[in-house]
Amino acid sequence: MAGCRGLSVVRGLAASVLVSRLLPAVLGHQPDAGHEELGPYLGGGGDARVREMSPGVSAHEGEVLEWDRAEEANRTWRWLQAQPQGFERVEAASDDGTRLVGHALACRPDSPRWLVFVHGYHDNWRTGLTYARRYAEAGFNLLFVDLRAHGESGGEWVGAGWLDRRDLMAWCRWVVARAGEGARVALAGISMGAASCLMACGEKDLPPQVRACVADSGYTDFWRTAENVVESGSLGTPPVAAHPLVDVARRRLMREPGGYDLRFARPVDALARTRVPVLIIHGEVDRVVPAYMARELSAAGGGHQLEVFPGAGHCCAVFADPERYWGCVLKFLGRWM
């Protein structure tokens, strides 16, 4: 009996570690880390973030990433200083009443094109500043949103893309109300934000104004991603066996008020039924969301475009080869927008 009680204690401790350290995205909100004005990639500490997300690159590839990151930081800072109106804080409400907060910049008021950008886990709307200048110069007005349980948005649980898909419906309606029925909307996101965009594209009530989606470093399903992160330690936590830890987290979340089943978060299923053309971008050496997931996403639907970038880790393709990255993105959006 003593041995059984000891085993129960060990299991209880293991579950607590999972909740508090291994996958905090599974069970609730953590305050966002403080980021400087340019966000987590372009702001102070951005070089460390890029190194953290690209552990498998060579020394030369790492130098390329840092050079391009620093170059974009300088250009984006100058671009921001030339925007006299600045970003406007805006709000929307999701289907379940969750208060959502975003930041909009109508930098092209004569254009019907809007870009709705969605950040990844544990970041906030400023992550979109990595991409802001290029999209604005291509003629897009910008809406950068805080995912639920991130930044200023409400919500008790991180959505893993499943809850967030409905939040994006609210943001798309916000854009149409702001810009009119003639608005043309592109969704874009990185990591969990990419997964959220992909799942939104599979919704039956997706506004017809949504014309295209750019998904950078998105996963096929959250469950397999959670298994990979726990077992590989790719987010800086000690690698351990995924089971039964993720199973415990799943059951706990399902029992909580407002909770949900993590297995519902499957962007790959949404891709199979979407009418929206999707550009899938992925780093070849991504250890958080392995590149094979991008290939599975591409195969899930007809006609979606896949671009894999050598020398890039998680969410770092934009720094590995900016010329190719933006050539692909803007050509794709020019075709569908």
Protein backbone atom coordinates (compact mmCIF):
# COMPACT_ATOMS: atom_id res chain seq x y z
CA MET A 1 0.00 0.00 0.00
CA ALA A 2 2.81 2.39 0.84
CA GLY A 3 4.29 1.77 -2.60
CA CYS A 4 0.93 2.51 -4.25
CA ARG A 5 0.58 5.73 -2.30
CA GLY A 6 4.10 6.73 -3.32
CA LEU A 7 3.31 6.05 -6.95
CA SER A 8 0.20 8.20 -6.68
CA VAL A 9 2.26 11.04 -5.25
CA VAL A 10 4.77 10.74 -8.09
CA ARG A 11 1.99 10.82 -10.66
CA GLY A 12 0.43 13.80 -8.95
CA LEU A 13 3.74 15.64 -8.99
CA ALA A 14 4.24 14.77 -12.64
CA ALA A 15 0.83 16.19 -13.49
CA SER A 16 1.63 19.35 -11.55
CA VAL A 17 4.88 19.76 -13.47
CA LEU A 18 2.97 19.44 -16.72
CA VAL A 19 0.44 22.05 -15.69
CA SER A 20 2.96 24.55 -14.38
CA ARG A 21 5.98 24.03 -16.63
CA LEU A 22 5.85 21.62 -19.55
CA LEU A 23 2.80 22.79 -21.47
CA PRO A 24 1.26 25.83 -19.80
CA ALA A 25 -0.57 26.46 -23.05
CA VAL A 26 -2.65 23.39 -22.29
CA LEU A 27 -4.32 24.53 -19.13
CA GLY A 28 -4.48 28.26 -18.85
CA HIS A 29 -3.19 31.77 -19.18
CA GLN A 30 0.28 32.98 -18.32
CA PRO A 31 1.15 36.67 -18.49
CA ASP A 32 2.95 37.61 -21.66
CA ALA A 33 6.63 38.30 -21.36
CA GLY A 34 7.48 41.98 -21.53
CA HIS A 35 8.43 42.95 -25.07
CA GLU A 36 9.84 46.18 -26.33
CA GLU A 37 7.98 48.27 -28.84
CA LEU A 38 9.10 46.25 -31.86
CA GLY A 39 7.92 42.95 -30.39
CA PRO A 40 9.59 39.65 -29.47
CA TYR A 41 11.52 39.12 -32.71
CA LEU A 42 12.57 42.61 -33.74
CA GLY A 43 12.83 44.19 -30.30
CA GLY A 44 15.49 43.76 -27.65
CA GLY A 45 16.19 40.07 -27.14
CA GLY A 46 15.00 39.21 -30.63
CA ASP A 47 18.37 37.72 -31.51
CA ALA A 48 18.07 35.34 -28.55
CA ARG A 49 14.52 34.40 -29.60
CA VAL A 50 15.66 33.53 -33.13
CA ARG A 51 18.55 31.42 -31.79
CA GLU A 52 16.17 29.65 -29.42
CA MET A 53 13.78 28.83 -32.26
CA SER A 54 16.55 27.68 -34.65
CA PRO A 55 18.79 25.36 -32.61
CA GLY A 56 19.68 23.11 -35.54
CA VAL A 57 21.14 25.69 -37.91
CA SER A 58 24.83 26.04 -38.78
CA ALA A 59 26.95 28.94 -37.58
CA HIS A 60 26.72 30.57 -41.01
CA GLU A 61 22.95 30.12 -41.15
CA GLY A 62 22.68 31.64 -37.69
CA GLU A 63 24.64 34.69 -38.84
CA VAL A 64 22.28 35.10 -41.81
CA LEU A 65 19.25 34.93 -39.51
CA GLU A 66 20.65 37.56 -37.18
CA TRP A 67 21.76 39.88 -39.96
CA ASP A 68 18.33 39.81 -41.63
CA ARG A 69 16.55 40.16 -38.29
CA ALA A 70 18.57 43.23 -37.36
CA GLU A 71 18.09 44.74 -40.81
CA GLU A 72 14.31 44.36 -40.59
CA ALA A 73 14.29 45.79 -37.08
CA ASN A 74 15.99 48.96 -38.32
CA ARG A 75 13.70 49.32 -41.32
CA THR A 76 10.57 48.65 -39.28
CA TRP A 77 11.56 51.22 -36.67
CA ARG A 78 11.96 53.88 -39.33
CA TRP A 79 8.67 52.86 -40.93
CA LEU A 80 6.84 53.09 -37.62
CA GLN A 81 8.17 56.58 -36.99
CA ALA A 82 6.67 57.64 -40.33
CA GLN A 83 3.16 56.52 -39.31
CA PRO A 84 1.67 59.65 -37.76
CA GLN A 85 -1.59 58.08 -36.67
CA GLY A 86 -0.08 55.02 -34.99
CA PHE A 87 -1.95 51.85 -34.11
CA GLU A 88 -5.51 52.15 -32.81
CA ARG A 89 -6.63 49.88 -29.98
CA VAL A 90 -9.86 48.14 -30.99
CA GLU A 91 -12.16 45.54 -29.45
CA ALA A 92 -14.49 42.76 -30.57
CA ALA A 93 -16.50 40.06 -28.79
CA SER A 94 -16.37 36.36 -29.57
CA ASP A 95 -19.36 34.02 -29.76
CA ASP A 96 -18.98 33.07 -26.10
CA GLY A 97 -18.75 36.70 -24.97
CA THR A 98 -14.98 36.75 -24.55
CA ARG A 99 -13.62 40.29 -24.92
CA LEU A 100 -10.98 40.45 -27.65
CA VAL A 101 -8.46 43.22 -28.16
CA GLY A 102 -6.53 44.11 -31.29
CA HIS A 103 -4.54 46.96 -32.79
CA ALA A 104 -5.38 48.38 -36.20
CA LEU A 105 -3.48 50.61 -38.57
CA ALA A 106 -5.41 51.92 -41.57
CA CYS A 107 -2.19 52.85 -43.34
CA ARG A 108 -3.79 52.36 -46.78
CA PRO A 109 -7.24 53.97 -46.39
CA ASP A 110 -7.79 53.94 -50.16
CA SER A 111 -7.30 50.16 -50.30
CA PRO A 112 -9.97 47.51 -49.55
CA ARG A 113 -7.25 45.03 -48.57
CA TRP A 114 -6.85 44.11 -44.91
CA LEU A 115 -4.35 41.77 -43.29
CA VAL A 116 -5.44 40.12 -40.02
CA PHE A 117 -2.32 38.81 -38.27
CA VAL A 118 -2.31 36.29 -35.41
CA HIS A 119 0.71 35.74 -33.13
CA GLY A 120 1.91 32.49 -31.56
CA TYR A 121 1.77 31.14 -28.02
CA HIS A 122 2.88 33.41 -25.16
CA ASP A 123 3.30 36.48 -27.39
CA ASN A 124 1.02 39.37 -28.26
CA TRP A 125 -0.04 41.60 -31.14
CA ARG A 126 3.37 43.23 -31.45
CA THR A 127 4.70 40.00 -32.95
CA GLY A 128 3.01 41.17 -36.14
CA LEU A 129 5.42 44.10 -36.37
CA THR A 130 7.95 41.67 -37.83
CA TYR A 131 5.74 41.59 -40.94
CA ALA A 132 3.99 44.97 -40.74
CA ARG A 133 6.17 47.09 -43.00
CA ARG A 134 6.14 44.64 -45.89
CA TYR A 135 2.38 44.12 -45.80
CA ALA A 136 1.73 47.85 -45.53
CA GLU A 137 4.01 48.62 -48.45
CA ALA A 138 2.11 46.00 -50.46
CA GLY A 139 -1.13 47.95 -49.93
CA PHE A 140 -2.65 46.28 -46.87
CA ASN A 141 -4.32 47.87 -43.90
CA LEU A 142 -3.34 46.01 -40.74
CA LEU A 143 -5.16 44.39 -37.84
CA PHE A 144 -2.94 42.63 -35.31
CA VAL A 145 -4.90 40.75 -32.65
CA ASP A 146 -4.22 39.42 -29.17
CA LEU A 147 -5.30 35.79 -28.96
CA ARG A 148 -7.61 34.93 -26.08
CA ALA A 149 -5.74 34.51 -22.78
CA HIS A 150 -2.93 36.59 -24.26
CA GLY A 151 -2.09 40.28 -24.11
CA GLU A 152 -5.15 42.37 -23.33
CA SER A 153 -7.73 39.86 -24.55
CA GLY A 154 -9.93 38.02 -22.09
CA GLY A 155 -10.44 34.29 -21.75
CA GLU A 156 -9.43 31.74 -19.16
CA TRP A 157 -7.88 29.15 -21.46
CA VAL A 158 -5.38 29.24 -24.28
CA GLY A 159 -7.35 28.04 -27.30
CA ALA A 160 -4.73 26.00 -29.23
CA GLY A 161 -6.52 27.17 -32.38
CA TRP A 162 -9.81 25.47 -31.51
CA LEU A 163 -11.33 28.27 -29.43
CA ASP A 164 -9.47 30.89 -31.46
CA ARG A 165 -11.11 29.92 -34.75
CA ARG A 166 -14.35 31.47 -33.53
CA ASP A 167 -12.53 34.55 -32.27
CA LEU A 168 -11.22 35.09 -35.78
CA MET A 169 -14.78 34.99 -37.09
CA ALA A 170 -15.46 37.96 -34.83
CA TRP A 171 -12.39 39.80 -36.11
CA CYS A 172 -13.30 39.16 -39.74
CA ARG A 173 -16.76 40.61 -39.08
CA TRP A 174 -15.07 43.59 -37.43
CA VAL A 175 -13.03 44.26 -40.57
CA VAL A 176 -16.12 44.05 -42.80
CA ALA A 177 -18.00 46.43 -40.51
CA ARG A 178 -15.07 48.83 -40.60
CA ALA A 179 -14.16 48.61 -44.30
CA GLY A 180 -17.50 47.67 -45.88
CA GLU A 181 -18.80 44.72 -47.86
CA GLY A 182 -16.14 45.31 -50.50
CA ALA A 183 -13.32 44.52 -48.09
CA ARG A 184 -10.81 41.87 -49.10
CA VAL A 185 -9.28 40.08 -46.15
CA ALA A 186 -6.21 37.89 -45.79
CA LEU A 187 -5.54 35.89 -42.63
CA ALA A 188 -1.93 35.34 -41.61
CA GLY A 189 -0.35 33.81 -38.54
CA ILE A 190 2.65 32.03 -37.09
CA SER A 191 2.72 28.84 -35.01
CA MET A 192 -0.47 28.66 -32.91
CA GLY A 193 -1.64 31.76 -34.76
CA ALA A 194 -1.20 29.91 -38.05
CA ALA A 195 -3.18 26.98 -36.65
CA SER A 196 -5.93 29.40 -35.59
CA CYS A 197 -6.10 30.87 -39.10
CA LEU A 198 -6.25 27.43 -40.70
CA MET A 199 -9.08 26.35 -38.42
CA ALA A 200 -10.96 29.57 -39.09
CA CYS A 201 -10.72 28.90 -42.82
CA GLY A 202 -12.66 25.68 -42.31
CA GLU A 203 -15.65 27.38 -40.68
CA LYS A 204 -18.92 27.36 -42.63
CA ASP A 205 -19.70 30.97 -41.72
CA LEU A 206 -16.32 32.36 -42.73
CA PRO A 207 -17.13 35.74 -44.32
CA PRO A 208 -16.80 35.69 -48.11
CA GLN A 209 -14.46 38.67 -47.86
CA VAL A 210 -11.72 36.32 -46.63
CA ARG A 211 -9.78 35.58 -49.80
CA ALA A 212 -6.50 33.95 -48.70
CA CYS A 213 -4.48 32.62 -45.78
CA VAL A 214 -0.73 32.59 -45.04
CA ALA A 215 0.16 29.96 -42.42
CA ASP A 216 3.75 30.07 -41.16
CA SER A 217 4.96 27.23 -38.91
CA GLY A 218 1.48 25.86 -38.24
CA TYR A 219 0.84 22.36 -36.88
CA THR A 220 -1.42 19.61 -38.18
CA ASP A 221 -2.95 18.98 -34.76
CA PHE A 222 -2.19 20.25 -31.30
CA TRP A 223 -2.13 16.83 -29.65
CA ARG A 224 0.79 15.54 -31.71
CA THR A 225 2.58 18.86 -31.27
CA ALA A 226 2.18 18.63 -27.50
CA GLU A 227 3.62 15.12 -27.57
CA ASN A 228 6.60 16.32 -29.59
CA VAL A 229 7.28 19.33 -27.36
CA VAL A 230 7.14 17.28 -24.15
CA GLU A 231 9.27 14.42 -25.47
CA SER A 232 11.87 16.56 -27.26
CA GLY A 233 12.15 19.44 -24.80
CA SER A 234 12.14 21.75 -27.81
CA LEU A 235 10.76 24.69 -25.83
CA GLY A 236 13.46 24.55 -23.20
CA THR A 237 11.82 22.13 -20.76
CA PRO A 238 13.41 18.81 -19.71
CA PRO A 239 12.43 16.06 -22.18
CA VAL A 240 10.17 13.44 -20.62
CA ALA A 241 7.73 10.80 -21.79
CA ALA A 242 4.60 12.46 -23.18
CA HIS A 243 2.23 9.89 -21.73
CA PRO A 244 0.52 9.89 -19.33
CA LEU A 245 1.32 13.57 -18.77
CA VAL A 246 -0.53 15.01 -21.76
CA ASP A 247 -3.43 12.63 -21.06
CA VAL A 248 -3.73 14.01 -17.53
CA ALA A 249 -3.68 17.56 -18.87
CA ARG A 250 -6.35 16.75 -21.44
CA ARG A 251 -8.69 15.23 -18.85
CA ARG A 252 -8.20 18.11 -16.45
CA LEU A 253 -8.93 20.69 -19.10
CA MET A 254 -12.08 18.88 -20.23
CA ARG A 255 -13.41 18.98 -16.65
CA GLU A 256 -12.76 22.66 -16.08
CA PRO A 257 -15.53 25.26 -16.63
CA GLY A 258 -15.14 26.58 -20.14
CA GLY A 259 -12.61 23.87 -20.94
CA TYR A 260 -12.44 21.81 -24.11
CA ASP A 261 -10.92 18.69 -25.64
CA LEU A 262 -7.42 19.30 -26.96
CA ARG A 263 -7.97 16.69 -29.62
CA PHE A 264 -10.44 19.05 -31.33
CA ALA A 265 -7.57 21.34 -32.33
CA ARG A 266 -6.81 19.78 -35.73
CA PRO A 267 -6.04 22.34 -38.46
CA VAL A 268 -5.39 19.49 -40.89
CA ASP A 269 -9.10 18.66 -40.88
CA ALA A 270 -10.07 22.28 -41.52
CA LEU A 271 -7.70 22.45 -44.49
CA ALA A 272 -9.45 19.53 -46.13
CA ARG A 273 -12.73 21.44 -46.32
CA THR A 274 -11.75 25.09 -46.75
CA ARG A 275 -12.60 27.12 -49.85
CA VAL A 276 -9.75 29.55 -49.08
CA PRO A 277 -6.39 29.15 -50.86
CA VAL A 278 -3.58 28.69 -48.33
CA LEU A 279 0.15 29.37 -48.50
CA ILE A 280 1.96 27.06 -46.07
CA ILE A 281 5.42 28.22 -44.97
CA HIS A 282 7.78 26.21 -42.79
CA GLY A 283 11.39 26.07 -41.64
CA GLU A 284 13.19 22.88 -42.60
CA VAL A 285 14.90 22.59 -39.20
CA ASP A 286 11.83 23.45 -37.08
CA ARG A 287 12.05 21.34 -33.91
CA VAL A 288 8.88 22.68 -32.28
CA VAL A 289 6.56 21.86 -35.18
CA PRO A 290 8.45 19.40 -37.41
CA ALA A 291 8.50 20.15 -41.13
CA TYR A 292 6.68 16.92 -41.96
CA MET A 293 3.56 18.54 -40.53
CA ALA A 294 3.73 21.24 -43.20
CA ARG A 295 3.83 18.54 -45.85
CA GLU A 296 0.82 16.83 -44.26
CA LEU A 297 -1.07 20.12 -44.26
CA SER A 298 -0.25 20.66 -47.91
CA ALA A 299 -1.52 17.21 -48.79
CA ALA A 300 -4.77 17.69 -46.86
CA GLY A 301 -6.40 20.01 -49.35
CA GLY A 302 -6.34 20.60 -53.06
CA GLY A 303 -4.15 23.30 -54.54
CA HIS A 304 -2.54 24.71 -51.40
CA GLN A 305 0.99 26.04 -51.87
CA LEU A 306 3.90 24.77 -49.75
CA GLU A 307 7.21 26.59 -49.30
CA VAL A 308 9.90 25.04 -47.07
CA PHE A 309 12.93 27.14 -46.10
CA PRO A 310 16.34 25.55 -45.40
CA GLY A 311 18.29 27.07 -42.53
CA ALA A 312 15.14 28.18 -40.69
CA GLY A 313 13.74 27.05 -37.38
CA HIS A 314 10.33 27.72 -35.87
CA CYS A 315 8.81 30.96 -37.23
CA CYS A 316 12.19 32.04 -38.66
CA ALA A 317 11.78 31.51 -42.42
CA VAL A 318 11.21 35.26 -42.80
CA PHE A 319 14.81 35.83 -41.62
CA ALA A 320 16.42 32.87 -43.37
CA ASP A 321 15.64 34.21 -46.85
CA PRO A 322 13.58 37.43 -46.80
CA GLU A 323 13.71 37.90 -50.56
CA ARG A 324 12.25 34.47 -51.26
CA TYR A 325 9.83 34.69 -48.32
CA TRP A 326 8.24 37.95 -49.40
CA GLY A 327 8.40 37.03 -53.06
CA CYS A 328 6.28 33.94 -52.32
CA VAL A 329 3.88 35.74 -49.95
CA LEU A 330 3.20 38.78 -52.10
CA LYS A 331 2.89 36.81 -55.33
CA PHE A 332 0.43 34.47 -53.62
CA LEU A 333 -1.66 37.31 -52.18
CA GLY A 334 -1.50 39.22 -55.44
CA ARG A 335 -3.08 36.24 -57.17
CA TRP A 336 -5.97 35.86 -54.75
CA MET A 337 -6.54 39.37 -53.37
